[in-house]
Amino acid sequence: MNISQDKTGDLTATLKIEVQASDYKEQFDQELKKYRKQATLPGFRPGKVPMGVIQKKYGTALKVEEVNKVVSGALNDYITNEKLDLLGYPISNPEKGLMPDFENQIDFEFYFDIATSPEITLDVSENTEAEYLKILVSDEMLEKFIDDIRKRNGAFEEVDNIEESDMVTVKIEELNEDNTINSEGISNNAPIVPTYIKDEDTKAELLKLKVGDTIIFNPLIATGNATETATMLGIKKEEAENLEKDFQFTVEKITRQGLADVNEELYKATFPNDEIKDETEFRDKVREEASKAHAAESDKHFMHHTMEQFLNNTETELPDEFLKKWLFVSNEGKISEEEINKDYHHYQRSMKMQLIENRLVKANEGLQVTEKDIKDQIRSYFSMYMPPHSGDDNQEWEERMDGIVDNYMQNKEEVQKISNQLFDQRVIELFKSKLNVVEKEVSYDEFVKTLKESQQQDHAHEHTHEHAHVHEEEDSNEQ
């Protein structure tokens, strides 16, 4: 076995792998013997088929399999031993040599094109200034937060007229074609909230009603949702999906949640762990919590904006022709070369962003998201909602949680989402601790405007991108 490398550019090369018969013959012969023991062919006793017959029937396919195993192993070992930081993965290059004749050849030559990652310089230090938009809680926003708190803690009371957010208890009765009540039809008592009625005409008529009034409509048309309709009528979703009948709704009760008074009882209910003495302290505390609620939005924008800043300020040359070929091969022909050329700037931008992320991960061990990190996050979530009860067997509870976590790990999409969230959190903490963060106070409207402008720029650079931070093991230093 011999592997040699021929440089074809600053970041590209072609690997030549020479395979001799001695590299695969021993394993190939063992596989032939296994096939002979298992073979059942007409005219021969099991396990007694002549080796020549086995060779003729299965030899070529087995040779292909064993040679491919040898080539794959040698390629992986070479990349590891030479510490090659590859872009994508090696692409077979049949143009460098003839297609192998596995039936007659015993020695082979294979060629693979590779590309290595360019060096990237990132100054993750106080020398790099990064803007952080801190959302100010205006007096108007504060009032909305307080109103929400008062509403959540307000008592329910019966009223005469209907407003959109009221809970309207109705008697529901299926009708015949002549709008008389079908005594054998669907009948149910259920609460409905006008807000969830999508048909505006039906909603407008509903809002005019008082206790004892009736209204007729098709609930599926009114809600536009089979699940909501099924819940309303007390039937299966499948029955609701093609519902064509009208129903009579009789208003039996209208309930509205009032606003709680701003007093000590509300202070305690809202902030049970704090000693709030008066309304001024209460309002200050609500403003503080409202500011924290917006901090997550600010953090997300901060990370996104800073990563974009690194991207725009980092000069990175990529092996474009190799990447175009790699994109075509990796998508198995589902994307044409014309489409790749047309949208290549999106792929190029995505690759550069991934290189920046990889550099951050290699330079900061704490950014790495491992499988254990993801499992711990899942366990933490489920433990919050399914804590062990007093008297529970601790080992049994742990085993049950292990089963839940292992089952959740099968959902690759959710696992990727958790990995991305953990990575983003760690990047935000890294940037806050190392960069020269300049805080800028903005109103919520100004923040939303900035966000929209940023999203419009993103749309212009639309691309598909997933973080790849699980099991990153290579250590490196920022340059």
Protein backbone atom coordinates (compact mmCIF):
# COMPACT_ATOMS: atom_id res chain seq x y z
CA MET A 1 0.00 0.00 0.00
CA ASN A 2 1.37 3.40 -0.96
CA ILE A 3 -0.22 6.85 -0.72
CA SER A 4 1.31 9.94 -2.33
CA GLN A 5 0.10 13.54 -2.53
CA ASP A 6 0.37 15.83 -5.53
CA LYS A 7 -0.34 19.52 -4.80
CA THR A 8 -2.67 21.05 -7.39
CA GLY A 9 -3.15 24.46 -5.75
CA ASP A 10 -2.58 26.41 -2.53
CA LEU A 11 -5.39 24.49 -0.81
CA THR A 12 -5.95 21.53 -3.13
CA ALA A 13 -4.16 18.28 -3.87
CA THR A 14 -4.72 14.86 -5.44
CA LEU A 15 -4.04 11.71 -3.42
CA LYS A 16 -2.86 8.61 -5.25
CA ILE A 17 -3.53 5.31 -3.50
CA GLU A 18 -1.75 2.23 -4.86
CA VAL A 19 -3.29 -1.06 -3.75
CA GLN A 20 -1.39 -4.33 -4.14
CA ALA A 21 -2.97 -7.78 -4.06
CA SER A 22 -1.21 -8.44 -0.76
CA ASP A 23 -3.15 -5.56 0.82
CA TYR A 24 -6.50 -7.31 0.53
CA LYS A 25 -5.85 -10.98 -0.45
CA GLU A 26 -5.92 -12.49 3.05
CA GLN A 27 -9.30 -10.95 3.95
CA PHE A 28 -10.62 -11.66 0.45
CA ASP A 29 -9.73 -15.37 0.77
CA GLN A 30 -11.39 -15.55 4.20
CA GLU A 31 -14.59 -14.06 2.80
CA LEU A 32 -14.58 -16.58 -0.07
CA LYS A 33 -14.31 -19.43 2.45
CA LYS A 34 -17.24 -17.99 4.44
CA TYR A 35 -19.33 -17.86 1.29
CA ARG A 36 -18.38 -21.44 0.46
CA LYS A 37 -19.55 -22.67 3.88
CA GLN A 38 -22.86 -20.86 3.51
CA ALA A 39 -23.47 -21.49 -0.22
CA THR A 40 -26.30 -23.79 -1.29
CA LEU A 41 -26.20 -24.41 -5.04
CA PRO A 42 -28.08 -27.07 -7.01
CA GLY A 43 -26.02 -30.26 -7.46
CA PHE A 44 -23.73 -29.62 -4.48
CA ARG A 45 -24.01 -30.47 -0.80
CA PRO A 46 -24.07 -27.44 1.55
CA GLY A 47 -20.50 -26.25 2.21
CA LYS A 48 -19.06 -28.50 -0.55
CA VAL A 49 -19.35 -26.16 -3.54
CA PRO A 50 -15.98 -26.08 -5.35
CA MET A 51 -13.96 -22.93 -4.63
CA GLY A 52 -13.69 -22.27 -8.38
CA VAL A 53 -17.48 -22.01 -8.61
CA ILE A 54 -17.61 -19.68 -5.60
CA GLN A 55 -14.81 -17.60 -7.10
CA LYS A 56 -16.64 -17.29 -10.41
CA LYS A 57 -20.01 -16.47 -8.83
CA TYR A 58 -18.99 -14.14 -5.97
CA GLY A 59 -15.30 -13.33 -6.52
CA THR A 60 -15.60 -10.03 -8.36
CA ALA A 61 -18.19 -8.56 -5.98
CA LEU A 62 -16.14 -9.62 -2.95
CA LYS A 63 -12.98 -8.17 -4.45
CA VAL A 64 -14.72 -4.82 -4.98
CA GLU A 65 -15.90 -4.87 -1.37
CA GLU A 66 -12.52 -5.75 0.13
CA VAL A 67 -10.56 -3.31 -2.03
CA ASN A 68 -12.98 -0.52 -1.11
CA LYS A 69 -12.52 -1.36 2.59
CA VAL A 70 -8.74 -1.18 2.22
CA VAL A 71 -8.90 2.12 0.30
CA SER A 72 -11.35 3.68 2.77
CA GLY A 73 -9.25 2.65 5.78
CA ALA A 74 -6.02 3.84 4.19
CA LEU A 75 -7.59 7.18 3.25
CA ASN A 76 -8.89 7.81 6.77
CA ASP A 77 -5.57 6.79 8.34
CA TYR A 78 -3.64 9.09 5.99
CA ILE A 79 -5.87 12.09 6.79
CA THR A 80 -5.51 11.42 10.52
CA ASN A 81 -1.76 10.77 10.47
CA GLU A 82 -1.01 13.78 8.27
CA LYS A 83 -3.37 15.92 10.41
CA LEU A 84 -5.15 17.25 7.34
CA ASP A 85 -7.89 19.77 8.11
CA LEU A 86 -10.12 19.08 5.13
CA LEU A 87 -12.91 21.05 3.55
CA GLY A 88 -15.71 18.61 2.79
CA TYR A 89 -14.34 15.15 2.11
CA PRO A 90 -12.16 13.47 -0.57
CA ILE A 91 -13.77 13.18 -4.01
CA SER A 92 -12.94 10.31 -6.31
CA ASN A 93 -11.08 11.46 -9.44
CA PRO A 94 -11.48 8.78 -12.14
CA GLU A 95 -10.03 11.17 -14.74
CA LYS A 96 -6.53 10.59 -13.36
CA GLY A 97 -6.65 6.88 -14.20
CA LEU A 98 -8.68 4.22 -15.93
CA MET A 99 -11.74 2.72 -14.31
CA PRO A 100 -10.53 -0.39 -12.43
CA ASP A 101 -11.22 -3.79 -14.02
CA PHE A 102 -12.00 -5.73 -10.85
CA GLU A 103 -12.61 -8.94 -12.74
CA ASN A 104 -9.10 -9.16 -14.20
CA GLN A 105 -6.87 -6.75 -12.25
CA ILE A 106 -5.19 -7.63 -8.97
CA ASP A 107 -3.33 -4.32 -8.40
CA PHE A 108 -5.14 -0.97 -8.48
CA GLU A 109 -4.58 2.78 -8.47
CA PHE A 110 -7.14 5.22 -7.08
CA TYR A 111 -7.10 9.02 -7.15
CA PHE A 112 -8.91 11.41 -4.79
CA ASP A 113 -9.12 15.20 -4.89
CA ILE A 114 -8.94 16.95 -1.51
CA ALA A 115 -9.01 20.53 -0.24
CA THR A 116 -7.65 21.80 3.06
CA SER A 117 -9.09 24.60 5.19
CA PRO A 118 -7.46 28.00 4.83
CA GLU A 119 -5.85 29.64 7.82
CA ILE A 120 -8.18 32.13 9.51
CA THR A 121 -7.14 34.93 11.84
CA LEU A 122 -9.71 35.99 14.43
CA ASP A 123 -8.96 38.65 17.00
CA VAL A 124 -11.23 37.60 19.84
CA SER A 125 -9.95 40.18 22.31
CA GLU A 126 -10.60 43.69 23.59
CA ASN A 127 -9.09 44.96 20.34
CA THR A 128 -12.34 43.99 18.64
CA GLU A 129 -15.30 46.25 19.32
CA ALA A 130 -18.78 44.71 19.29
CA GLU A 131 -22.06 46.57 19.67
CA TYR A 132 -24.70 45.31 22.11
CA LEU A 133 -28.21 46.70 21.78
CA LYS A 134 -29.80 47.03 25.21
CA ILE A 135 -33.56 47.39 24.93
CA LEU A 136 -34.96 50.09 27.18
CA VAL A 137 -38.34 49.39 28.76
CA SER A 138 -40.46 52.45 28.03
CA ASP A 139 -43.26 53.61 30.32
CA GLU A 140 -45.78 52.39 27.74
CA MET A 141 -44.17 48.92 27.69
CA LEU A 142 -44.06 48.89 31.48
CA GLU A 143 -47.81 49.52 31.63
CA LYS A 144 -48.44 46.62 29.26
CA PHE A 145 -46.33 44.31 31.42
CA ILE A 146 -48.18 45.41 34.54
CA ASP A 147 -51.57 44.98 32.83
CA ASP A 148 -50.55 41.44 31.85
CA ILE A 149 -49.57 40.68 35.45
CA ARG A 150 -52.84 42.12 36.76
CA LYS A 151 -54.80 40.10 34.21
CA ARG A 152 -53.01 36.83 35.05
CA ASN A 153 -53.81 37.38 38.71
CA GLY A 154 -57.29 38.82 38.25
CA ALA A 155 -60.45 37.05 39.40
CA PHE A 156 -62.96 35.68 36.92
CA GLU A 157 -66.38 37.29 36.87
CA GLU A 158 -69.57 36.76 34.93
CA VAL A 159 -70.55 39.55 32.54
CA ASP A 160 -73.45 40.26 30.17
CA ASN A 161 -71.72 41.23 26.94
CA ILE A 162 -68.97 39.42 24.97
CA GLU A 163 -65.46 40.69 24.27
CA GLU A 164 -62.85 38.86 22.16
CA SER A 165 -60.84 37.43 25.05
CA ASP A 166 -63.85 36.33 27.11
CA MET A 167 -64.64 32.70 27.89
CA VAL A 168 -68.08 31.98 26.44
CA THR A 169 -69.75 28.78 27.68
CA VAL A 170 -72.14 27.50 25.03
CA LYS A 171 -74.55 24.63 24.45
CA ILE A 172 -73.82 23.16 21.03
CA GLU A 173 -76.48 21.26 19.08
CA GLU A 174 -76.29 19.73 15.61
CA LEU A 175 -78.96 20.95 13.18
CA ASN A 176 -80.95 19.30 10.43
CA GLU A 177 -81.01 20.81 6.94
CA ASP A 178 -84.08 22.89 7.90
CA ASN A 179 -82.18 24.29 10.92
CA THR A 180 -84.24 22.29 13.43
CA ILE A 181 -82.28 20.57 16.19
CA ASN A 182 -81.22 17.00 15.38
CA SER A 183 -82.15 15.12 18.57
CA GLU A 184 -79.83 12.25 17.61
CA GLY A 185 -76.98 14.45 16.41
CA ILE A 186 -73.86 15.79 18.10
CA SER A 187 -74.52 17.72 21.31
CA ASN A 188 -71.97 19.19 23.69
CA ASN A 189 -71.34 21.92 26.25
CA ALA A 190 -68.02 23.67 25.84
CA PRO A 191 -66.22 26.98 26.36
CA ILE A 192 -65.15 28.99 23.30
CA VAL A 193 -63.04 32.12 23.03
CA PRO A 194 -63.98 34.55 20.21
CA THR A 195 -60.28 35.29 19.60
CA TYR A 196 -59.86 31.82 18.10
CA ILE A 197 -62.72 32.24 15.61
CA LYS A 198 -60.98 32.88 12.29
CA ASP A 199 -64.07 33.67 10.23
CA GLU A 200 -64.51 37.41 10.78
CA ASP A 201 -68.25 37.46 9.94
CA THR A 202 -68.99 34.72 12.48
CA LYS A 203 -66.84 36.46 15.10
CA ALA A 204 -68.62 39.77 14.55
CA GLU A 205 -72.03 38.14 15.05
CA LEU A 206 -70.81 36.25 18.13
CA LEU A 207 -69.61 39.48 19.78
CA LYS A 208 -73.18 40.89 19.56
CA LEU A 209 -74.68 38.10 21.70
CA LYS A 210 -75.77 38.06 25.35
CA VAL A 211 -76.62 35.19 27.71
CA GLY A 212 -79.51 33.16 26.25
CA ASP A 213 -78.91 34.29 22.66
CA THR A 214 -78.23 31.79 19.87
CA ILE A 215 -76.10 31.75 16.74
CA ILE A 216 -75.81 29.22 13.90
CA PHE A 217 -72.58 28.40 12.06
CA ASN A 218 -70.34 25.59 10.83
CA PRO A 219 -67.57 25.32 13.49
CA LEU A 220 -64.99 23.93 11.03
CA ILE A 221 -65.44 26.90 8.71
CA ALA A 222 -65.45 29.29 11.68
CA THR A 223 -62.23 28.02 13.27
CA GLY A 224 -60.47 26.72 10.16
CA ASN A 225 -58.97 24.04 12.37
CA ALA A 226 -60.11 20.40 12.65
CA THR A 227 -58.41 19.87 16.04
CA GLU A 228 -60.14 22.89 17.62
CA THR A 229 -63.44 21.86 16.07
CA ALA A 230 -63.11 18.30 17.43
CA THR A 231 -62.38 19.64 20.93
CA MET A 232 -65.32 22.02 20.74
CA LEU A 233 -67.78 19.32 19.67
CA GLY A 234 -66.31 16.48 21.72
CA ILE A 235 -65.64 14.31 18.66
CA LYS A 236 -62.59 12.76 16.97
CA LYS A 237 -60.40 14.91 14.74
CA GLU A 238 -61.07 12.57 11.80
CA GLU A 239 -64.82 13.22 12.17
CA ALA A 240 -64.25 16.97 12.25
CA GLU A 241 -62.00 17.16 9.17
CA ASN A 242 -64.87 17.05 6.65
CA LEU A 243 -67.65 18.51 8.78
CA GLU A 244 -70.30 20.11 6.55
CA LYS A 245 -73.19 20.57 9.02
CA ASP A 246 -74.28 23.71 10.84
CA PHE A 247 -74.70 23.83 14.62
CA GLN A 248 -76.68 26.02 16.97
CA PHE A 249 -74.68 27.68 19.74
CA THR A 250 -76.64 28.94 22.76
CA VAL A 251 -74.76 31.28 25.12
CA GLU A 252 -75.09 29.99 28.68
CA LYS A 253 -72.41 32.02 30.48
CA ILE A 254 -69.88 34.75 29.70
CA THR A 255 -66.79 34.87 31.91
CA ARG A 256 -64.16 37.58 31.92
CA GLN A 257 -60.90 37.75 33.82
CA GLY A 258 -60.70 41.08 35.59
CA LEU A 259 -57.60 43.05 36.52
CA ALA A 260 -56.15 42.43 39.97
CA ASP A 261 -55.65 45.44 42.20
CA VAL A 262 -52.07 46.70 42.53
CA ASN A 263 -51.51 45.94 46.20
CA GLU A 264 -49.42 43.79 48.54
CA GLU A 265 -51.27 40.66 47.48
CA LEU A 266 -50.23 41.23 43.86
CA TYR A 267 -46.64 42.05 44.88
CA LYS A 268 -46.39 38.73 46.76
CA ALA A 269 -48.05 36.70 44.02
CA THR A 270 -45.76 38.14 41.34
CA PHE A 271 -42.48 38.18 43.27
CA PRO A 272 -42.85 35.69 46.16
CA ASN A 273 -39.11 35.77 46.96
CA ASP A 274 -38.82 39.56 47.18
CA GLU A 275 -39.93 42.05 49.82
CA ILE A 276 -41.85 44.64 47.79
CA LYS A 277 -43.00 47.46 50.06
CA ASP A 278 -44.94 49.76 47.75
CA GLU A 279 -46.07 50.36 44.16
CA THR A 280 -42.87 52.24 43.26
CA GLU A 281 -40.72 49.22 44.20
CA PHE A 282 -43.18 46.95 42.39
CA ARG A 283 -42.94 48.98 39.17
CA ASP A 284 -39.14 49.10 39.41
CA LYS A 285 -39.04 45.31 39.83
CA VAL A 286 -41.39 44.76 36.88
CA ARG A 287 -39.22 47.04 34.72
CA GLU A 288 -36.14 45.06 35.76
CA GLU A 289 -37.78 41.73 34.88
CA ALA A 290 -39.09 43.13 31.60
CA SER A 291 -35.56 44.20 30.72
CA LYS A 292 -34.33 40.65 31.43
CA ALA A 293 -37.08 39.26 29.22
CA HIS A 294 -35.74 41.29 26.33
CA ALA A 295 -32.13 40.36 27.09
CA ALA A 296 -32.50 37.06 25.22
CA GLU A 297 -33.47 38.98 22.08
CA SER A 298 -30.53 41.33 22.55
CA ASP A 299 -28.14 38.41 23.11
CA LYS A 300 -29.26 36.66 19.95
CA HIS A 301 -28.83 39.79 17.87
CA PHE A 302 -25.47 40.47 19.51
CA MET A 303 -24.10 37.05 18.57
CA HIS A 304 -25.49 37.20 15.03
CA HIS A 305 -24.22 40.73 14.44
CA THR A 306 -20.75 39.95 15.83
CA MET A 307 -20.42 36.78 13.74
CA GLU A 308 -21.37 38.81 10.67
CA GLN A 309 -18.73 41.34 11.66
CA PHE A 310 -16.07 38.62 11.82
CA LEU A 311 -17.27 37.25 8.49
CA ASN A 312 -17.08 40.62 6.73
CA ASN A 313 -13.66 41.47 8.23
CA THR A 314 -12.04 38.09 7.57
CA GLU A 315 -10.28 37.66 4.25
CA THR A 316 -10.59 34.02 3.31
CA GLU A 317 -9.74 32.45 -0.03
CA LEU A 318 -11.56 29.21 -0.76
CA PRO A 319 -10.82 26.50 -3.36
CA ASP A 320 -13.97 27.40 -5.29
CA GLU A 321 -13.70 24.89 -8.15
CA PHE A 322 -13.19 22.00 -5.71
CA LEU A 323 -16.12 23.14 -3.57
CA LYS A 324 -18.43 23.38 -6.58
CA LYS A 325 -17.49 19.83 -7.54
CA TRP A 326 -17.89 18.66 -3.93
CA LEU A 327 -21.35 20.27 -3.68
CA PHE A 328 -22.44 18.47 -6.85
CA VAL A 329 -21.13 15.10 -5.67
CA SER A 330 -22.37 15.42 -2.07
CA ASN A 331 -25.88 16.28 -3.28
CA GLU A 332 -25.83 13.17 -5.50
CA GLY A 333 -26.91 15.10 -8.58
CA LYS A 334 -30.04 16.55 -6.92
CA ILE A 335 -28.64 20.02 -7.60
CA SER A 336 -27.38 20.74 -11.10
CA GLU A 337 -24.02 22.34 -11.82
CA GLU A 338 -25.89 25.34 -13.26
CA GLU A 339 -27.81 25.80 -9.97
CA ILE A 340 -24.60 25.48 -7.95
CA ASN A 341 -22.85 28.12 -10.09
CA LYS A 342 -25.84 30.44 -9.79
CA ASP A 343 -26.12 30.16 -6.00
CA TYR A 344 -22.46 29.53 -5.22
CA HIS A 345 -22.01 32.84 -3.37
CA HIS A 346 -24.54 31.58 -0.78
CA TYR A 347 -22.65 28.30 -0.33
CA GLN A 348 -19.36 30.19 -0.22
CA ARG A 349 -20.62 32.49 2.51
CA SER A 350 -21.98 29.55 4.50
CA MET A 351 -18.65 27.73 4.25
CA LYS A 352 -16.74 30.81 5.46
CA MET A 353 -19.10 31.14 8.43
CA GLN A 354 -18.56 27.48 9.26
CA LEU A 355 -14.78 27.98 9.12
CA ILE A 356 -15.06 30.89 11.56
CA GLU A 357 -17.15 28.77 13.93
CA ASN A 358 -14.66 25.91 13.66
CA ARG A 359 -11.80 28.28 14.46
CA LEU A 360 -13.65 29.54 17.53
CA VAL A 361 -14.29 25.98 18.70
CA LYS A 362 -10.68 24.88 18.20
CA ALA A 363 -9.38 27.93 20.04
CA ASN A 364 -11.86 27.73 22.92
CA GLU A 365 -12.37 24.28 24.38
CA GLY A 366 -15.39 25.43 26.35
CA LEU A 367 -17.39 25.98 23.16
CA GLN A 368 -17.39 22.32 22.23
CA VAL A 369 -20.81 20.70 22.52
CA THR A 370 -20.52 17.01 23.29
CA GLU A 371 -23.11 14.28 23.28
CA LYS A 372 -22.97 14.32 27.09
CA ASP A 373 -23.80 18.05 27.11
CA ILE A 374 -26.87 17.39 25.00
CA LYS A 375 -27.99 14.46 27.17
CA ASP A 376 -27.51 16.54 30.33
CA GLN A 377 -29.66 19.31 28.82
CA ILE A 378 -32.43 16.86 27.93
CA ARG A 379 -32.25 15.24 31.38
CA SER A 380 -32.40 18.64 33.07
CA TYR A 381 -35.53 19.57 31.14
CA PHE A 382 -37.42 16.36 31.87
CA SER A 383 -36.25 16.26 35.50
CA MET A 384 -37.87 19.67 35.99
CA TYR A 385 -41.27 18.36 34.93
CA MET A 386 -40.89 14.79 36.18
CA PRO A 387 -39.00 15.05 39.49
CA PRO A 388 -38.71 11.99 41.73
CA HIS A 389 -41.43 11.81 44.36
CA SER A 390 -40.79 10.99 47.98
CA GLY A 391 -40.68 7.22 48.36
CA ASP A 392 -39.56 6.67 44.75
CA ASP A 393 -36.69 4.25 44.23
CA ASN A 394 -33.81 6.53 43.15
CA GLN A 395 -32.16 3.94 40.90
CA GLU A 396 -35.47 3.15 39.24
CA TRP A 397 -36.09 6.87 38.61
CA GLU A 398 -32.58 7.28 37.16
CA GLU A 399 -33.13 4.32 34.83
CA ARG A 400 -36.45 5.76 33.74
CA MET A 401 -34.79 9.10 32.98
CA ASP A 402 -32.00 7.31 31.07
CA GLY A 403 -34.64 5.68 28.91
CA ILE A 404 -36.38 9.00 28.23
CA VAL A 405 -33.08 10.67 27.32
CA ASP A 406 -31.96 7.82 25.04
CA ASN A 407 -35.33 7.86 23.29
CA TYR A 408 -35.19 11.64 22.81
CA MET A 409 -31.68 11.36 21.37
CA GLN A 410 -33.17 9.42 18.44
CA ASN A 411 -34.80 12.64 17.24
CA LYS A 412 -31.86 14.01 15.25
CA GLU A 413 -33.61 17.28 14.43
CA GLU A 414 -34.24 18.07 18.10
CA VAL A 415 -30.73 16.98 19.06
CA GLN A 416 -29.29 19.37 16.46
CA LYS A 417 -31.52 22.15 17.77
CA ILE A 418 -30.27 21.62 21.35
CA SER A 419 -26.67 21.50 20.12
CA ASN A 420 -27.14 24.82 18.31
CA GLN A 421 -28.75 26.45 21.35
CA LEU A 422 -25.93 25.35 23.67
CA PHE A 423 -23.31 26.50 21.18
CA ASP A 424 -24.97 29.89 20.74
CA GLN A 425 -25.15 30.40 24.51
CA ARG A 426 -21.45 29.65 24.86
CA VAL A 427 -20.45 31.92 21.98
CA ILE A 428 -22.46 34.78 23.51
CA GLU A 429 -20.69 34.27 26.85
CA LEU A 430 -17.30 34.13 25.08
CA PHE A 431 -17.91 37.35 23.16
CA LYS A 432 -19.16 39.17 26.25
CA SER A 433 -16.12 38.13 28.28
CA LYS A 434 -13.40 38.77 25.66
CA LEU A 435 -14.54 41.49 23.25
CA ASN A 436 -14.77 45.22 23.81
CA VAL A 437 -18.56 45.26 24.13
CA VAL A 438 -20.06 48.72 23.57
CA GLU A 439 -23.59 48.91 24.96
CA LYS A 440 -26.10 51.01 23.08
CA GLU A 441 -29.51 51.74 24.61
CA VAL A 442 -32.40 51.60 22.15
CA SER A 443 -36.18 51.58 22.34
CA TYR A 444 -37.97 48.37 21.46
CA ASP A 445 -39.21 49.95 18.21
CA GLU A 446 -35.64 50.89 17.27
CA PHE A 447 -34.51 47.34 18.08
CA VAL A 448 -37.24 45.82 15.90
CA LYS A 449 -36.27 48.17 13.04
CA THR A 450 -32.62 47.11 13.32
CA LEU A 451 -33.68 43.47 13.43
CA LYS A 452 -35.75 43.84 10.26
CA GLU A 453 -32.86 45.49 8.44
CA SER A 454 -30.59 42.66 9.55
CA GLN A 455 -33.12 40.04 8.40
CA GLN A 456 -33.39 41.72 5.01
CA GLN A 457 -29.62 41.45 4.64
CA ASP A 458 -29.80 37.80 5.69
CA HIS A 459 -32.45 37.16 3.08
CA ALA A 460 -30.08 38.52 0.47
CA HIS A 461 -27.49 35.98 1.69
CA GLU A 462 -29.92 33.13 2.26
CA HIS A 463 -28.28 29.76 2.82
CA THR A 464 -28.75 26.50 4.64
CA HIS A 465 -26.40 26.09 7.57
CA GLU A 466 -26.13 23.88 10.63
CA HIS A 467 -23.61 24.09 13.42
CA ALA A 468 -21.19 21.18 13.57
CA HIS A 469 -19.87 21.24 17.12
CA VAL A 470 -20.57 17.78 18.52
CA HIS A 471 -17.42 15.74 19.13
CA GLU A 472 -14.99 18.49 18.03
CA GLU A 473 -11.76 17.21 19.57
CA GLU A 474 -8.93 19.10 17.90
CA ASP A 475 -7.17 21.73 19.98
CA SER A 476 -5.78 24.90 18.50
CA ASN A 477 -5.01 28.54 19.36
CA GLU A 478 -6.45 31.69 17.87
CA GLN A 479 -4.01 33.31 15.55
